[in-house]
N, C-alpha and C. Protein backbone atom coordinates (compact mmCIF):
# COMPACT_ATOMS: atom_id res chain seq x y z
N MET A 1 18.98 19.24 3.61
CA MET A 1 18.25 19.70 4.75
C MET A 1 18.23 18.69 5.87
N SER A 2 18.67 19.13 7.07
CA SER A 2 18.57 18.14 8.19
C SER A 2 17.72 18.72 9.24
N LEU A 3 17.12 17.82 10.06
CA LEU A 3 16.20 18.13 11.01
C LEU A 3 16.88 18.17 12.43
N GLY A 4 16.36 19.02 13.32
CA GLY A 4 16.88 18.95 14.67
C GLY A 4 16.34 17.67 15.38
N SER A 5 17.14 17.27 16.43
CA SER A 5 16.69 15.99 17.11
C SER A 5 15.29 16.05 17.53
N ASN A 6 14.66 17.15 18.04
CA ASN A 6 13.33 17.08 18.40
C ASN A 6 12.33 16.91 17.16
N THR A 7 12.71 17.50 16.03
CA THR A 7 11.83 17.19 14.83
C THR A 7 11.99 15.75 14.32
N ARG A 8 13.22 15.28 14.47
CA ARG A 8 13.47 13.75 14.11
C ARG A 8 12.70 12.92 15.01
N GLN A 9 12.68 13.20 16.31
CA GLN A 9 11.90 12.45 17.27
C GLN A 9 10.40 12.47 16.98
N GLN A 10 9.96 13.62 16.51
CA GLN A 10 8.45 13.82 16.23
C GLN A 10 8.23 12.94 14.98
N ALA A 11 9.05 12.84 13.96
CA ALA A 11 8.88 11.99 12.72
C ALA A 11 8.85 10.54 13.09
N ALA A 12 9.73 10.23 14.05
CA ALA A 12 9.87 8.77 14.38
C ALA A 12 8.59 8.40 15.19
N LEU A 13 8.13 9.33 16.03
CA LEU A 13 6.89 9.15 16.76
C LEU A 13 5.79 8.91 15.85
N GLY A 14 5.69 9.85 14.82
CA GLY A 14 4.57 9.82 13.81
C GLY A 14 4.47 8.47 13.11
N VAL A 15 5.60 7.88 12.82
CA VAL A 15 5.49 6.50 12.11
C VAL A 15 5.08 5.59 13.18
N GLN A 16 5.62 5.53 14.40
CA GLN A 16 5.20 4.68 15.43
C GLN A 16 3.68 4.73 15.75
N GLU A 17 3.17 6.02 15.89
CA GLU A 17 1.77 6.25 16.21
C GLU A 17 0.87 5.61 15.02
N ALA A 18 1.32 5.91 13.85
CA ALA A 18 0.61 5.37 12.61
C ALA A 18 0.54 3.90 12.64
N ILE A 19 1.75 3.21 12.98
CA ILE A 19 1.73 1.73 12.98
C ILE A 19 0.64 1.23 14.00
N THR A 20 0.71 1.92 15.23
CA THR A 20 -0.27 1.45 16.19
C THR A 20 -1.65 1.92 15.80
N GLN A 21 -1.90 2.87 15.24
CA GLN A 21 -3.28 3.34 14.90
C GLN A 21 -3.82 2.73 13.65
N TYR A 22 -3.06 2.56 12.63
CA TYR A 22 -3.57 2.09 11.40
C TYR A 22 -3.08 0.63 10.92
N HIS A 23 -2.08 0.30 11.57
CA HIS A 23 -1.44 -1.01 11.04
C HIS A 23 -1.50 -2.21 11.96
N GLY A 24 -1.97 -2.02 13.32
CA GLY A 24 -2.18 -3.04 14.16
C GLY A 24 -3.31 -3.89 13.83
N SER A 25 -3.05 -5.17 13.56
CA SER A 25 -4.17 -6.09 13.25
C SER A 25 -4.33 -7.25 14.20
N ASN A 26 -5.55 -7.49 14.56
CA ASN A 26 -5.86 -8.81 15.27
C ASN A 26 -6.32 -9.73 14.15
N PHE A 27 -5.44 -10.69 13.96
CA PHE A 27 -5.82 -11.70 12.98
C PHE A 27 -6.80 -12.72 13.51
N LEU A 28 -7.77 -12.98 12.80
CA LEU A 28 -8.85 -14.10 13.06
C LEU A 28 -8.17 -15.35 12.72
N GLN A 29 -8.75 -16.41 13.39
CA GLN A 29 -8.25 -17.81 12.89
C GLN A 29 -8.42 -17.92 11.41
N GLY A 30 -7.37 -18.43 10.73
CA GLY A 30 -7.43 -18.64 9.29
C GLY A 30 -6.97 -17.40 8.55
N GLN A 31 -6.33 -16.37 9.22
CA GLN A 31 -5.92 -15.23 8.56
C GLN A 31 -4.39 -15.12 8.82
N CYS A 32 -3.75 -14.32 7.92
CA CYS A 32 -2.33 -13.90 8.07
C CYS A 32 -2.20 -12.48 7.64
N GLY A 33 -1.02 -11.94 7.92
CA GLY A 33 -0.84 -10.60 7.40
C GLY A 33 0.64 -10.24 7.74
N ALA A 34 1.10 -8.96 7.37
CA ALA A 34 2.34 -8.54 7.71
C ALA A 34 2.33 -7.00 7.54
N LEU A 35 3.44 -6.45 8.02
CA LEU A 35 3.76 -5.04 7.89
C LEU A 35 5.14 -4.86 7.13
N HIS A 36 5.14 -3.92 6.18
CA HIS A 36 6.40 -3.76 5.51
C HIS A 36 6.65 -2.22 5.51
N MET A 37 7.87 -1.82 5.45
CA MET A 37 8.31 -0.39 5.42
C MET A 37 9.31 -0.21 4.29
N GLN A 38 9.16 0.92 3.60
CA GLN A 38 9.95 1.34 2.52
C GLN A 38 10.51 2.74 2.69
N HIS A 39 11.72 3.01 2.79
CA HIS A 39 12.47 4.31 2.75
C HIS A 39 12.59 4.71 1.38
N ILE A 40 12.17 5.97 1.10
CA ILE A 40 12.14 6.53 -0.29
C ILE A 40 12.80 7.85 -0.23
N ALA A 41 13.87 8.04 -1.19
CA ALA A 41 14.62 9.17 -1.28
C ALA A 41 13.85 10.18 -2.22
N ALA A 42 12.73 10.55 -1.75
CA ALA A 42 11.86 11.59 -2.57
C ALA A 42 11.02 12.29 -1.47
N PRO A 43 10.60 13.44 -1.83
CA PRO A 43 9.66 14.23 -0.83
C PRO A 43 8.45 13.56 -0.58
N VAL A 44 7.80 13.66 0.48
CA VAL A 44 6.57 12.97 0.86
C VAL A 44 5.54 13.29 0.02
N HIS A 45 5.38 14.59 -0.58
CA HIS A 45 4.28 14.95 -1.51
C HIS A 45 4.52 14.16 -2.78
N PHE A 46 5.58 13.76 -3.31
CA PHE A 46 5.74 13.03 -4.54
C PHE A 46 5.25 11.57 -4.25
N VAL A 47 5.67 11.08 -3.15
CA VAL A 47 5.16 9.70 -2.87
C VAL A 47 3.73 9.65 -2.61
N TRP A 48 3.12 10.48 -1.78
CA TRP A 48 1.77 10.58 -1.58
C TRP A 48 0.93 10.79 -2.79
N SER A 49 1.46 11.56 -3.69
CA SER A 49 0.72 11.77 -5.00
C SER A 49 0.48 10.61 -5.84
N LEU A 50 1.36 9.64 -5.65
CA LEU A 50 1.28 8.23 -6.32
C LEU A 50 0.41 7.36 -5.52
N VAL A 51 0.64 7.25 -4.18
CA VAL A 51 -0.14 6.29 -3.37
C VAL A 51 -1.69 6.54 -3.29
N ARG A 52 -2.02 7.92 -3.20
CA ARG A 52 -3.36 8.25 -3.07
C ARG A 52 -4.28 8.02 -4.27
N ARG A 53 -3.66 7.88 -5.40
CA ARG A 53 -4.51 7.65 -6.58
C ARG A 53 -5.08 6.24 -6.76
N PHE A 54 -6.25 6.08 -6.16
CA PHE A 54 -6.91 4.73 -6.20
C PHE A 54 -7.16 4.46 -7.59
N ASP A 55 -7.45 5.38 -8.57
CA ASP A 55 -7.86 5.08 -9.92
C ASP A 55 -6.49 4.91 -10.88
N ARG A 56 -5.32 5.02 -10.31
CA ARG A 56 -4.16 4.79 -11.12
C ARG A 56 -3.12 3.97 -10.38
N PRO A 57 -3.43 2.86 -9.86
CA PRO A 57 -2.35 2.07 -9.12
C PRO A 57 -1.31 1.58 -10.16
N GLN A 58 -1.57 1.47 -11.41
CA GLN A 58 -0.65 1.00 -12.34
C GLN A 58 0.51 1.95 -12.60
N SER A 59 0.37 3.20 -11.96
CA SER A 59 1.48 4.17 -12.12
C SER A 59 2.76 3.76 -11.40
N TYR A 60 2.56 2.86 -10.42
CA TYR A 60 3.76 2.19 -9.76
C TYR A 60 3.61 0.78 -9.52
N LYS A 61 2.48 0.20 -9.52
CA LYS A 61 2.33 -1.19 -9.29
C LYS A 61 2.40 -1.99 -10.64
N HIS A 62 3.57 -2.62 -10.92
CA HIS A 62 3.83 -3.22 -12.18
C HIS A 62 3.04 -4.45 -12.39
N PHE A 63 2.40 -5.04 -11.41
CA PHE A 63 1.61 -6.32 -11.70
C PHE A 63 0.29 -6.04 -12.24
N ILE A 64 0.03 -4.80 -12.36
CA ILE A 64 -1.38 -4.34 -12.90
C ILE A 64 -1.19 -3.85 -14.38
N ARG A 65 -2.03 -4.40 -15.16
CA ARG A 65 -2.06 -4.07 -16.65
C ARG A 65 -2.96 -2.80 -16.85
N SER A 66 -4.09 -2.77 -16.14
CA SER A 66 -5.00 -1.70 -16.29
C SER A 66 -5.94 -1.57 -15.10
N CYS A 67 -6.60 -0.44 -14.96
CA CYS A 67 -7.48 -0.17 -13.94
C CYS A 67 -8.58 0.77 -14.44
N ARG A 68 -9.88 0.49 -13.97
CA ARG A 68 -10.90 1.49 -14.30
C ARG A 68 -11.89 1.42 -13.10
N LEU A 69 -12.35 2.75 -12.89
CA LEU A 69 -13.35 2.87 -11.79
C LEU A 69 -14.60 2.32 -12.38
N VAL A 70 -15.27 1.48 -11.46
CA VAL A 70 -16.63 1.01 -11.96
C VAL A 70 -17.62 1.64 -11.15
N SER A 71 -17.28 2.39 -10.06
CA SER A 71 -18.21 3.14 -9.17
C SER A 71 -17.34 4.13 -8.39
N GLY A 72 -18.06 5.36 -8.37
CA GLY A 72 -17.38 6.44 -7.66
C GLY A 72 -16.46 7.29 -8.45
N ASN A 73 -15.92 8.23 -7.73
CA ASN A 73 -14.99 9.22 -8.46
C ASN A 73 -13.51 9.11 -7.96
N GLY A 74 -13.17 8.04 -7.28
CA GLY A 74 -11.89 7.90 -6.70
C GLY A 74 -11.74 8.29 -5.18
N GLY A 75 -12.89 8.58 -4.65
CA GLY A 75 -12.95 8.90 -3.17
C GLY A 75 -13.44 7.68 -2.48
N VAL A 76 -13.47 7.73 -1.19
CA VAL A 76 -13.96 6.58 -0.30
C VAL A 76 -15.21 6.07 -0.85
N GLY A 77 -15.28 4.67 -0.92
CA GLY A 77 -16.48 3.93 -1.45
C GLY A 77 -16.28 3.63 -2.85
N SER A 78 -15.30 4.24 -3.58
CA SER A 78 -15.22 3.99 -4.98
C SER A 78 -14.74 2.52 -5.17
N ILE A 79 -15.15 2.00 -6.34
CA ILE A 79 -14.76 0.59 -6.64
C ILE A 79 -14.01 0.59 -7.91
N ARG A 80 -12.99 -0.16 -7.94
CA ARG A 80 -12.13 -0.22 -9.13
C ARG A 80 -12.04 -1.78 -9.55
N GLU A 81 -11.88 -1.94 -10.93
CA GLU A 81 -11.69 -3.34 -11.53
C GLU A 81 -10.20 -3.23 -12.04
N VAL A 82 -9.35 -4.15 -11.54
CA VAL A 82 -8.04 -4.17 -11.89
C VAL A 82 -7.72 -5.27 -12.84
N GLN A 83 -7.11 -5.29 -13.87
CA GLN A 83 -6.66 -6.34 -14.72
C GLN A 83 -5.20 -6.57 -14.41
N VAL A 84 -4.86 -7.77 -13.99
CA VAL A 84 -3.54 -8.18 -13.57
C VAL A 84 -2.76 -8.70 -14.84
N ILE A 85 -1.37 -8.52 -14.67
CA ILE A 85 -0.68 -8.95 -15.91
C ILE A 85 -0.71 -10.56 -15.87
N SER A 86 -0.46 -11.08 -17.07
CA SER A 86 -0.47 -12.46 -17.26
C SER A 86 0.72 -13.05 -16.59
N GLY A 87 0.67 -14.27 -16.19
CA GLY A 87 1.80 -14.98 -15.40
C GLY A 87 1.42 -15.05 -13.91
N LEU A 88 0.55 -14.25 -13.55
CA LEU A 88 0.15 -14.45 -12.05
C LEU A 88 -1.06 -15.28 -11.86
N PRO A 89 -1.26 -15.86 -10.73
CA PRO A 89 -2.49 -16.81 -10.72
C PRO A 89 -3.75 -15.91 -10.35
N ALA A 90 -4.05 -14.99 -11.25
CA ALA A 90 -5.16 -14.08 -11.24
C ALA A 90 -5.36 -13.43 -12.58
N GLY A 91 -6.52 -12.91 -12.90
CA GLY A 91 -6.73 -12.09 -14.00
C GLY A 91 -7.34 -10.77 -13.61
N THR A 92 -8.33 -10.77 -12.66
CA THR A 92 -8.81 -9.47 -12.27
C THR A 92 -9.07 -9.50 -10.82
N SER A 93 -9.13 -8.23 -10.27
CA SER A 93 -9.33 -7.97 -8.84
C SER A 93 -10.28 -6.85 -8.81
N THR A 94 -11.32 -6.89 -7.90
CA THR A 94 -12.33 -5.91 -7.69
C THR A 94 -12.09 -5.30 -6.30
N GLU A 95 -11.75 -3.98 -6.21
CA GLU A 95 -11.34 -3.36 -5.03
C GLU A 95 -12.13 -2.20 -4.56
N ARG A 96 -12.33 -2.05 -3.26
CA ARG A 96 -13.04 -0.82 -2.73
C ARG A 96 -12.11 -0.02 -1.86
N LEU A 97 -12.23 1.43 -2.14
CA LEU A 97 -11.35 2.24 -1.39
C LEU A 97 -12.22 2.46 -0.08
N ASP A 98 -11.51 2.14 1.11
CA ASP A 98 -12.19 2.19 2.34
C ASP A 98 -11.83 3.54 3.12
N VAL A 99 -10.49 3.88 3.01
CA VAL A 99 -10.07 5.11 3.65
C VAL A 99 -9.14 5.93 2.72
N LEU A 100 -9.37 7.14 2.68
CA LEU A 100 -8.39 8.12 1.98
C LEU A 100 -8.43 9.43 2.93
N ASP A 101 -7.24 9.51 3.66
CA ASP A 101 -7.11 10.72 4.55
C ASP A 101 -6.00 11.46 4.12
N GLU A 102 -6.36 12.65 3.49
CA GLU A 102 -5.26 13.41 2.82
C GLU A 102 -4.38 14.08 3.82
N GLU A 103 -4.89 14.44 5.03
CA GLU A 103 -4.18 15.12 5.96
C GLU A 103 -3.14 14.22 6.62
N LYS A 104 -3.59 13.04 6.98
CA LYS A 104 -2.66 12.09 7.63
C LYS A 104 -2.00 11.11 6.70
N ARG A 105 -2.36 11.24 5.42
CA ARG A 105 -1.81 10.46 4.36
C ARG A 105 -1.90 8.91 4.57
N VAL A 106 -3.11 8.57 4.67
CA VAL A 106 -3.52 7.24 4.97
C VAL A 106 -4.45 6.80 3.84
N VAL A 107 -4.21 5.58 3.21
CA VAL A 107 -5.13 4.98 2.22
C VAL A 107 -5.35 3.43 2.53
N SER A 108 -6.54 3.02 2.42
CA SER A 108 -6.85 1.58 2.77
C SER A 108 -7.82 1.17 1.78
N PHE A 109 -7.64 -0.06 1.29
CA PHE A 109 -8.59 -0.68 0.38
C PHE A 109 -8.78 -2.19 0.68
N SER A 110 -9.91 -2.63 0.20
CA SER A 110 -10.26 -4.10 0.43
C SER A 110 -10.44 -4.80 -1.00
N ILE A 111 -10.15 -5.97 -1.07
CA ILE A 111 -10.52 -6.78 -2.32
C ILE A 111 -11.83 -7.29 -2.01
N ILE A 112 -12.75 -7.03 -2.94
CA ILE A 112 -14.16 -7.56 -2.70
C ILE A 112 -14.49 -8.58 -3.78
N GLY A 113 -13.73 -8.87 -4.71
CA GLY A 113 -13.98 -9.83 -5.76
C GLY A 113 -12.83 -10.02 -6.67
N GLY A 114 -13.07 -10.93 -7.65
CA GLY A 114 -12.11 -11.11 -8.61
C GLY A 114 -11.77 -12.70 -8.72
N ASP A 115 -10.91 -13.01 -9.75
CA ASP A 115 -10.50 -14.40 -9.87
C ASP A 115 -9.10 -14.62 -9.36
N HIS A 116 -9.04 -14.65 -8.08
CA HIS A 116 -7.68 -14.98 -7.41
C HIS A 116 -7.99 -15.59 -6.06
N ARG A 117 -6.92 -15.78 -5.32
CA ARG A 117 -7.00 -16.47 -4.00
C ARG A 117 -6.98 -15.56 -2.87
N LEU A 118 -6.80 -14.30 -3.03
CA LEU A 118 -6.63 -13.34 -1.97
C LEU A 118 -8.04 -12.93 -1.43
N LYS A 119 -8.69 -13.72 -0.69
CA LYS A 119 -10.05 -13.42 -0.14
C LYS A 119 -9.90 -12.56 1.10
N ASN A 120 -10.85 -11.56 1.27
CA ASN A 120 -10.90 -10.79 2.51
C ASN A 120 -9.52 -10.02 2.75
N TYR A 121 -8.86 -9.68 1.57
CA TYR A 121 -7.57 -8.96 1.64
C TYR A 121 -7.87 -7.51 1.97
N ARG A 122 -7.24 -7.03 2.93
CA ARG A 122 -7.31 -5.59 3.32
C ARG A 122 -5.94 -4.99 3.52
N SER A 123 -5.73 -3.84 2.78
CA SER A 123 -4.44 -3.17 2.80
C SER A 123 -4.52 -1.81 3.43
N THR A 124 -3.48 -1.36 4.20
CA THR A 124 -3.50 0.03 4.62
C THR A 124 -2.09 0.56 4.44
N THR A 125 -2.02 1.75 3.88
CA THR A 125 -0.78 2.25 3.55
C THR A 125 -0.70 3.78 4.04
N THR A 126 0.38 4.15 4.81
CA THR A 126 0.54 5.33 5.33
C THR A 126 1.90 5.88 4.81
N VAL A 127 2.01 7.19 4.58
CA VAL A 127 3.27 7.89 4.10
C VAL A 127 3.61 8.98 5.14
N HIS A 128 4.97 8.87 5.41
CA HIS A 128 5.50 9.73 6.45
C HIS A 128 6.71 10.43 6.01
N LYS A 129 7.15 11.58 6.67
CA LYS A 129 8.49 12.11 6.54
C LYS A 129 9.44 11.26 7.21
N ARG A 130 10.62 11.06 6.68
CA ARG A 130 11.76 10.33 7.28
C ARG A 130 12.22 11.12 8.47
N GLU A 131 12.78 10.48 9.40
CA GLU A 131 13.39 11.12 10.68
C GLU A 131 14.38 12.11 10.33
N ASP A 132 15.15 11.87 9.28
CA ASP A 132 16.28 12.81 9.00
C ASP A 132 15.77 13.90 7.99
N GLY A 133 14.44 13.87 7.57
CA GLY A 133 13.88 14.89 6.75
C GLY A 133 14.34 14.69 5.20
N GLU A 134 15.04 13.56 4.98
CA GLU A 134 15.51 13.39 3.58
C GLU A 134 14.71 12.33 2.91
N GLY A 135 13.46 12.61 2.83
CA GLY A 135 12.56 11.61 2.02
C GLY A 135 11.42 11.22 2.85
N ALA A 136 10.90 10.04 2.49
CA ALA A 136 9.66 9.56 3.00
C ALA A 136 9.88 8.12 3.47
N VAL A 137 9.00 7.67 4.37
CA VAL A 137 8.82 6.27 4.81
C VAL A 137 7.46 5.87 4.59
N VAL A 138 7.28 4.78 3.78
CA VAL A 138 5.93 4.30 3.54
C VAL A 138 5.72 2.94 4.34
N VAL A 139 4.63 2.90 5.00
CA VAL A 139 4.33 1.68 5.78
C VAL A 139 3.13 1.11 5.09
N GLU A 140 3.16 -0.16 4.78
CA GLU A 140 1.96 -0.95 4.27
C GLU A 140 1.79 -2.14 5.00
N SER A 141 0.53 -2.38 5.44
CA SER A 141 0.21 -3.74 6.17
C SER A 141 -1.01 -4.27 5.46
N TYR A 142 -1.10 -5.58 5.57
CA TYR A 142 -2.22 -6.26 4.97
C TYR A 142 -2.68 -7.37 5.95
N VAL A 143 -3.92 -7.84 5.70
CA VAL A 143 -4.58 -8.96 6.36
C VAL A 143 -5.27 -9.70 5.31
N VAL A 144 -5.22 -11.11 5.25
CA VAL A 144 -5.90 -11.82 4.32
C VAL A 144 -6.22 -13.23 4.81
N ASP A 145 -7.23 -13.74 4.30
CA ASP A 145 -7.61 -15.12 4.57
C ASP A 145 -6.63 -16.10 3.99
N VAL A 146 -6.40 -17.16 4.72
CA VAL A 146 -5.62 -18.24 4.13
C VAL A 146 -6.61 -19.14 3.38
N PRO A 147 -6.42 -19.32 2.11
CA PRO A 147 -7.33 -20.11 1.35
C PRO A 147 -7.22 -21.66 1.62
N ALA A 148 -8.40 -22.37 1.40
CA ALA A 148 -8.34 -23.86 1.52
C ALA A 148 -7.20 -24.32 0.59
N GLY A 149 -6.54 -25.24 1.09
CA GLY A 149 -5.43 -25.88 0.24
C GLY A 149 -4.15 -25.20 0.29
N SER A 150 -3.97 -24.16 1.01
CA SER A 150 -2.72 -23.40 1.26
C SER A 150 -2.42 -23.22 2.64
N THR A 151 -1.21 -23.06 2.92
CA THR A 151 -0.69 -22.70 4.32
C THR A 151 -0.63 -21.28 4.53
N MET A 152 -0.57 -20.95 5.86
CA MET A 152 -0.39 -19.61 6.14
C MET A 152 0.99 -19.09 5.60
N GLU A 153 2.00 -19.91 5.62
CA GLU A 153 3.34 -19.54 5.21
C GLU A 153 3.12 -19.23 3.71
N GLU A 154 2.56 -20.16 2.92
CA GLU A 154 2.52 -19.88 1.38
C GLU A 154 1.67 -18.59 1.16
N THR A 155 0.59 -18.41 1.85
CA THR A 155 -0.23 -17.27 1.56
C THR A 155 0.59 -15.94 1.88
N CYS A 156 1.26 -15.93 3.00
CA CYS A 156 1.98 -14.71 3.27
C CYS A 156 3.23 -14.53 2.55
N ILE A 157 3.86 -15.52 1.94
CA ILE A 157 5.00 -15.41 1.03
C ILE A 157 4.56 -14.81 -0.21
N PHE A 158 3.32 -15.23 -0.70
CA PHE A 158 2.76 -14.73 -1.96
C PHE A 158 2.46 -13.30 -1.69
N ALA A 159 1.76 -12.86 -0.69
CA ALA A 159 1.31 -11.55 -0.47
C ALA A 159 2.51 -10.69 -0.17
N ASP A 160 3.41 -11.08 0.67
CA ASP A 160 4.61 -10.28 0.85
C ASP A 160 5.45 -9.98 -0.26
N THR A 161 5.50 -10.96 -1.29
CA THR A 161 6.31 -10.75 -2.52
C THR A 161 5.69 -9.61 -3.22
N ILE A 162 4.36 -9.62 -3.49
CA ILE A 162 3.64 -8.58 -4.23
C ILE A 162 3.86 -7.24 -3.54
N VAL A 163 3.62 -7.14 -2.19
CA VAL A 163 3.78 -5.82 -1.44
C VAL A 163 5.16 -5.32 -1.56
N ARG A 164 6.23 -6.21 -1.39
CA ARG A 164 7.53 -5.79 -1.42
C ARG A 164 7.85 -5.26 -2.85
N CYS A 165 7.47 -6.00 -3.92
CA CYS A 165 7.71 -5.46 -5.24
C CYS A 165 7.06 -4.11 -5.62
N ASN A 166 5.75 -3.93 -5.08
CA ASN A 166 5.12 -2.78 -5.22
C ASN A 166 5.83 -1.55 -4.54
N LEU A 167 6.23 -1.82 -3.22
CA LEU A 167 6.91 -0.75 -2.57
C LEU A 167 8.21 -0.44 -3.16
N LYS A 168 8.96 -1.38 -3.67
CA LYS A 168 10.27 -1.15 -4.40
C LYS A 168 10.00 -0.29 -5.63
N SER A 169 8.96 -0.60 -6.37
CA SER A 169 8.53 0.07 -7.60
C SER A 169 8.04 1.54 -7.22
N LEU A 170 7.32 1.66 -6.16
CA LEU A 170 6.87 2.98 -5.66
C LEU A 170 8.13 3.86 -5.50
N ALA A 171 9.20 3.23 -4.80
CA ALA A 171 10.38 4.06 -4.58
C ALA A 171 11.10 4.52 -5.78
N ASP A 172 11.14 3.47 -6.75
CA ASP A 172 11.82 3.82 -8.03
C ASP A 172 11.16 4.90 -8.77
N VAL A 173 9.79 4.89 -8.90
CA VAL A 173 9.00 5.85 -9.63
C VAL A 173 9.08 7.19 -8.92
N ALA A 174 8.92 7.23 -7.53
CA ALA A 174 8.95 8.59 -6.83
C ALA A 174 10.34 9.11 -6.92
N GLU A 175 11.34 8.36 -6.68
CA GLU A 175 12.75 8.87 -6.78
C GLU A 175 13.12 9.41 -8.19
N ARG A 176 12.63 8.80 -9.21
CA ARG A 176 12.86 9.20 -10.59
C ARG A 176 12.05 10.52 -10.87
N ARG A 177 10.87 10.63 -10.42
CA ARG A 177 10.14 11.91 -10.58
C ARG A 177 10.84 13.08 -9.75
N ALA A 178 11.31 12.76 -8.61
CA ALA A 178 11.97 13.74 -7.78
C ALA A 178 13.23 14.27 -8.46
N ARG A 179 13.93 13.34 -9.09
CA ARG A 179 15.17 13.73 -9.79
C ARG A 179 14.89 14.66 -11.04
N GLN A 180 13.74 14.47 -11.59
CA GLN A 180 13.30 15.24 -12.75
C GLN A 180 12.64 16.54 -12.43
N ALA A 181 12.34 16.64 -11.21
CA ALA A 181 11.56 17.86 -10.87
C ALA A 181 12.59 19.10 -10.62
């Protein structure tokens, strides 16, 4: 399926508007962050069905061993306790769902506790149709405090690595599911 140029322009504009609306961050002193994009050869609904599940991040985030909701039912305000795989400098992460917009396909969460160095970490993810209509574009941004004893560069390299791995894994899982459908 191909889209006319007007529809492609609308899709591109939708991604750009989402970046402006949801991913623009003013970093405070002592913070860093980044924005990452991942093109995925799977329908938007397959991708969104994975991203929106606050209670099941391990379905595509391979650094997570397990997850359980400790408060809420998976909607805004819910809190999850994530067990991280061994080998990372963390064991647990406590996270709150801040935004879940089904219509605009936006999800945002904050890390509110745990035994790791990602303090005041906030992530926003949006899912969009690709300009050519052949799949999805996922945009994920984050902001995090730079911990004492670390540099901004070290903190961003660590967080960027995790985000990139998660987005690549999301693409692999969504594309595999789309091929099986």
